[in-house]
Amino acid sequence: MDAMRVLVVEDNSVVADAVAEGLRDQGMAVDVAYDGPSGLDKLVVNTYDVVVLDRDLPGLHGDKLCEEIVSSPGPSRVLMLTAAGQVEDRVEGLNLGADDYLAKPFDFSELVARVRALARRSPSAPPVLKRGDLVVDRARRAVTRAGRPLHLARKELGVLEVLVSADGAVVSAEELLEQVWDEYADPFTKTVSVTVGRLRRKLGDPPLVETVIGSGYRIP
């Protein structure tokens, strides 16, 4: 699910950076906050599919931040992390509105699986996307066109997911940067146009991705 955007809020910078880097290796766009107020600031500015939230945060406790996320109209799902793994702790976290709960220390493969599972629970993220003879299986990270398998790089797949999900609407380069890359992507580079160019070549003929001059891209 390469078009997924995740926020990691964790005060242990070593853990936070390791989780973020691992999720980026899985093709996700990941932002990081090291305290509660910074996490809240990012949530106000950006839209995230999943928030990986440490419970014991400085500045603004994870419980309070969880309540803020749950009460907001955004689509973010919350995976709460904590060093406390007792049943009562898990129940308390879930009662705050968290969608899932993972005790530290955790296995990274389980974290990835839980993040993906939460993202699939969003109504805006169906597991299989279709546009004409193009099929994008988000769960398997597989793409076919007219039954022919296509081998796409992670960002190419992410861009394709966003364009197909737009259902024919134009998606700007800025929107693609926000949804497929992360906050450190340079908006003045040609990253998006280069990735779209490679994607076009792999999708083959007849051409699928249209450039709308001055607006962005679309798959009609």
Protein backbone atom coordinates (compact mmCIF):
# COMPACT_ATOMS: atom_id res chain seq x y z
CA MET A 1 0.00 0.00 0.00
CA ASP A 2 2.53 2.53 -1.20
CA ALA A 3 0.29 5.56 -1.16
CA MET A 4 -0.13 5.24 2.59
CA ARG A 5 0.96 8.17 4.76
CA VAL A 6 1.92 7.48 8.36
CA LEU A 7 2.82 9.67 11.34
CA VAL A 8 5.09 8.19 14.01
CA VAL A 9 4.84 10.01 17.36
CA GLU A 10 7.49 8.61 19.71
CA ASP A 11 9.75 10.46 22.19
CA ASN A 12 12.57 7.93 21.92
CA SER A 13 14.30 9.27 18.83
CA VAL A 14 16.19 6.03 18.19
CA VAL A 15 12.96 4.00 18.19
CA ALA A 16 11.06 6.66 16.23
CA ASP A 17 13.69 6.94 13.50
CA ALA A 18 14.09 3.17 13.23
CA VAL A 19 10.32 2.66 12.89
CA ALA A 20 10.06 5.47 10.34
CA GLU A 21 12.94 4.17 8.24
CA GLY A 22 11.54 0.64 8.32
CA LEU A 23 8.11 1.82 7.20
CA ARG A 24 9.67 3.90 4.43
CA ASP A 25 11.46 0.76 3.27
CA GLN A 26 7.96 -0.74 2.92
CA GLY A 27 7.04 2.09 0.57
CA MET A 28 5.10 4.27 3.00
CA ALA A 29 5.42 8.05 3.33
CA VAL A 30 6.36 8.65 6.97
CA ASP A 31 6.63 11.78 9.12
CA VAL A 32 8.02 11.78 12.66
CA ALA A 33 7.26 13.78 15.80
CA TYR A 34 9.21 13.37 19.04
CA ASP A 35 6.66 14.84 21.45
CA GLY A 36 2.92 15.35 21.80
CA PRO A 37 2.69 19.03 20.74
CA SER A 38 4.77 18.40 17.59
CA GLY A 39 2.55 15.45 16.74
CA LEU A 40 -0.56 17.58 17.12
CA ASP A 41 0.96 20.30 14.91
CA LYS A 42 1.60 17.80 12.13
CA LEU A 43 -1.91 16.38 12.41
CA VAL A 44 -3.37 19.85 11.97
CA VAL A 45 -1.38 20.41 8.77
CA ASN A 46 -1.37 16.95 7.17
CA THR A 47 -3.73 14.03 6.65
CA TYR A 48 -2.49 10.61 7.74
CA ASP A 49 -3.90 7.15 7.15
CA VAL A 50 -2.35 5.77 10.33
CA VAL A 51 -0.77 7.34 13.42
CA VAL A 52 1.71 5.14 15.31
CA LEU A 53 1.38 6.74 18.73
CA ASP A 54 3.50 6.20 21.82
CA ARG A 55 1.36 6.53 24.91
CA ASP A 56 3.89 8.15 27.26
CA LEU A 57 4.78 11.41 25.50
CA PRO A 58 6.24 14.66 26.85
CA GLY A 59 4.40 17.93 26.46
CA LEU A 60 1.08 16.34 25.58
CA HIS A 61 0.33 12.84 26.82
CA GLY A 62 -0.41 10.20 24.20
CA ASP A 63 -3.83 9.60 25.75
CA LYS A 64 -4.79 13.23 25.16
CA LEU A 65 -3.40 13.21 21.64
CA CYS A 66 -5.34 10.02 20.91
CA GLU A 67 -8.54 11.72 22.06
CA GLU A 68 -7.77 14.69 19.80
CA ILE A 69 -7.30 12.39 16.80
CA VAL A 70 -10.46 10.40 17.50
CA SER A 71 -12.57 13.54 17.92
CA SER A 72 -11.33 15.07 14.66
CA PRO A 73 -13.15 14.48 11.35
CA GLY A 74 -10.01 13.09 9.66
CA PRO A 75 -9.54 9.47 8.56
CA SER A 76 -6.53 8.69 10.77
CA ARG A 77 -6.43 5.30 12.49
CA VAL A 78 -4.42 5.03 15.71
CA LEU A 79 -1.98 2.25 16.58
CA MET A 80 -0.98 2.89 20.18
CA LEU A 81 2.44 1.79 21.42
CA THR A 82 3.33 1.42 25.08
CA ALA A 83 5.80 -0.27 27.39
CA ALA A 84 2.85 -1.38 29.52
CA GLY A 85 1.50 -4.63 28.13
CA GLN A 86 -0.97 -5.73 30.77
CA VAL A 87 -4.54 -6.48 29.71
CA GLU A 88 -5.91 -3.51 31.65
CA ASP A 89 -3.47 -1.20 29.86
CA ARG A 90 -4.60 -2.46 26.46
CA VAL A 91 -8.24 -2.08 27.43
CA GLU A 92 -7.64 1.45 28.66
CA GLY A 93 -5.88 2.41 25.43
CA LEU A 94 -8.64 0.97 23.28
CA ASN A 95 -11.27 2.71 25.39
CA LEU A 96 -9.56 6.01 24.59
CA GLY A 97 -10.42 5.38 20.94
CA ALA A 98 -7.24 3.74 19.65
CA ASP A 99 -7.91 1.29 16.82
CA ASP A 100 -5.16 -1.11 17.82
CA TYR A 101 -2.59 -1.58 20.56
CA LEU A 102 0.95 -2.96 20.49
CA ALA A 103 3.15 -3.46 23.55
CA LYS A 104 6.90 -2.80 23.51
CA PRO A 105 9.14 -4.51 22.66
CA PHE A 106 7.44 -5.51 19.42
CA ASP A 107 8.36 -7.41 16.29
CA PHE A 108 8.69 -5.00 13.37
CA SER A 109 6.93 -7.33 10.92
CA GLU A 110 3.92 -7.34 13.24
CA LEU A 111 3.96 -3.54 13.38
CA VAL A 112 3.94 -3.36 9.57
CA ALA A 113 1.09 -5.86 9.34
CA ARG A 114 -0.98 -3.93 11.88
CA VAL A 115 -0.36 -0.59 10.14
CA ARG A 116 -1.47 -2.05 6.81
CA ALA A 117 -4.51 -3.67 8.38
CA LEU A 118 -5.58 -0.36 9.91
CA ALA A 119 -5.18 1.45 6.60
CA ARG A 120 -7.36 -1.15 4.88
CA ARG A 121 -10.13 -0.42 7.37
CA SER A 122 -10.50 3.07 5.92
CA PRO A 123 -13.50 3.26 3.54
CA SER A 124 -11.38 5.37 1.20
CA ALA A 125 -8.89 2.56 0.70
CA PRO A 126 -10.46 -0.45 -1.04
CA PRO A 127 -8.11 -3.44 -1.31
CA VAL A 128 -8.40 -3.65 -5.11
CA LEU A 129 -8.54 -0.66 -7.47
CA LYS A 130 -9.67 -0.95 -11.10
CA ARG A 131 -9.60 1.43 -14.04
CA GLY A 132 -10.39 -0.07 -17.44
CA ASP A 133 -8.04 -3.01 -17.98
CA LEU A 134 -5.81 -1.90 -15.12
CA VAL A 135 -6.04 -3.71 -11.76
CA VAL A 136 -4.13 -2.58 -8.65
CA ASP A 137 -4.17 -5.07 -5.78
CA ARG A 138 -3.16 -2.93 -2.81
CA ALA A 139 -2.91 -5.79 -0.33
CA ARG A 140 -0.59 -7.86 -2.55
CA ARG A 141 1.13 -4.77 -4.01
CA ALA A 142 0.55 -6.20 -7.46
CA VAL A 143 -0.48 -4.50 -10.71
CA THR A 144 -1.76 -6.02 -13.94
CA ARG A 145 -2.87 -4.48 -17.22
CA ALA A 146 -4.97 -6.61 -19.51
CA GLY A 147 -3.86 -9.54 -17.36
CA ARG A 148 -0.15 -8.77 -17.82
CA PRO A 149 1.83 -8.34 -14.56
CA LEU A 150 3.67 -5.04 -14.24
CA HIS A 151 6.74 -4.62 -12.05
CA LEU A 152 6.63 -1.16 -10.50
CA ALA A 153 8.96 0.53 -8.05
CA ARG A 154 7.43 1.59 -4.73
CA LYS A 155 6.90 5.24 -5.61
CA GLU A 156 5.56 4.35 -9.05
CA LEU A 157 2.99 2.11 -7.42
CA GLY A 158 2.16 4.84 -4.91
CA VAL A 159 1.54 7.39 -7.66
CA LEU A 160 -0.57 4.90 -9.58
CA GLU A 161 -2.73 4.16 -6.53
CA VAL A 162 -3.43 7.86 -5.98
CA LEU A 163 -4.29 8.47 -9.63
CA VAL A 164 -6.60 5.46 -9.88
CA SER A 165 -8.26 6.33 -6.56
CA ALA A 166 -9.02 9.81 -7.90
CA ASP A 167 -11.57 8.21 -10.26
CA GLY A 168 -10.72 10.37 -13.26
CA ALA A 169 -10.13 13.63 -11.38
CA VAL A 170 -6.94 15.61 -11.85
CA VAL A 171 -4.29 15.17 -9.14
CA SER A 172 -1.70 17.92 -8.79
CA ALA A 173 2.01 17.28 -8.38
CA GLU A 174 1.75 18.82 -4.90
CA GLU A 175 -0.94 16.32 -3.90
CA LEU A 176 1.17 13.44 -5.19
CA LEU A 177 4.15 14.69 -3.18
CA GLU A 178 2.02 14.90 -0.04
CA GLN A 179 0.45 11.46 -0.39
CA VAL A 180 3.29 9.37 -1.77
CA TRP A 181 6.42 11.01 -0.39
CA ASP A 182 6.88 12.59 3.06
CA GLU A 183 7.44 16.03 4.55
CA TYR A 184 11.11 16.00 3.59
CA ALA A 185 10.41 15.79 -0.15
CA ASP A 186 11.62 18.89 -1.99
CA PRO A 187 8.61 20.46 -3.79
CA PHE A 188 10.93 22.17 -6.28
CA THR A 189 12.46 19.01 -7.69
CA LYS A 190 11.26 17.04 -10.71
CA THR A 191 10.67 13.97 -8.56
CA VAL A 192 6.98 13.66 -9.47
CA SER A 193 7.38 14.22 -13.22
CA VAL A 194 10.28 11.77 -13.42
CA THR A 195 8.31 9.10 -11.53
CA VAL A 196 5.22 9.66 -13.71
CA GLY A 197 7.41 9.32 -16.80
CA ARG A 198 8.76 5.96 -15.67
CA LEU A 199 5.24 4.84 -14.74
CA ARG A 200 3.91 5.73 -18.20
CA ARG A 201 6.57 3.65 -19.88
CA LYS A 202 5.83 0.63 -17.73
CA LEU A 203 2.06 0.91 -18.22
CA GLY A 204 2.56 0.71 -21.99
CA ASP A 205 0.10 1.50 -24.79
CA PRO A 206 -2.44 2.85 -25.15
CA PRO A 207 -1.25 5.60 -22.80
CA LEU A 208 -3.13 5.77 -19.49
CA VAL A 209 -1.75 8.75 -17.58
CA GLU A 210 -2.65 12.15 -19.01
CA THR A 211 -0.87 15.40 -18.21
CA VAL A 212 -3.26 18.30 -17.69
CA ILE A 213 -1.14 21.38 -18.35
CA GLY A 214 -0.91 23.64 -15.33
CA SER A 215 -3.00 21.29 -13.15
CA GLY A 216 -1.45 17.85 -12.79
CA TYR A 217 -2.17 14.30 -13.90
CA ARG A 218 -5.13 12.00 -14.30
CA ILE A 219 -6.19 8.57 -15.50
CA PRO A 220 -9.50 9.23 -17.35
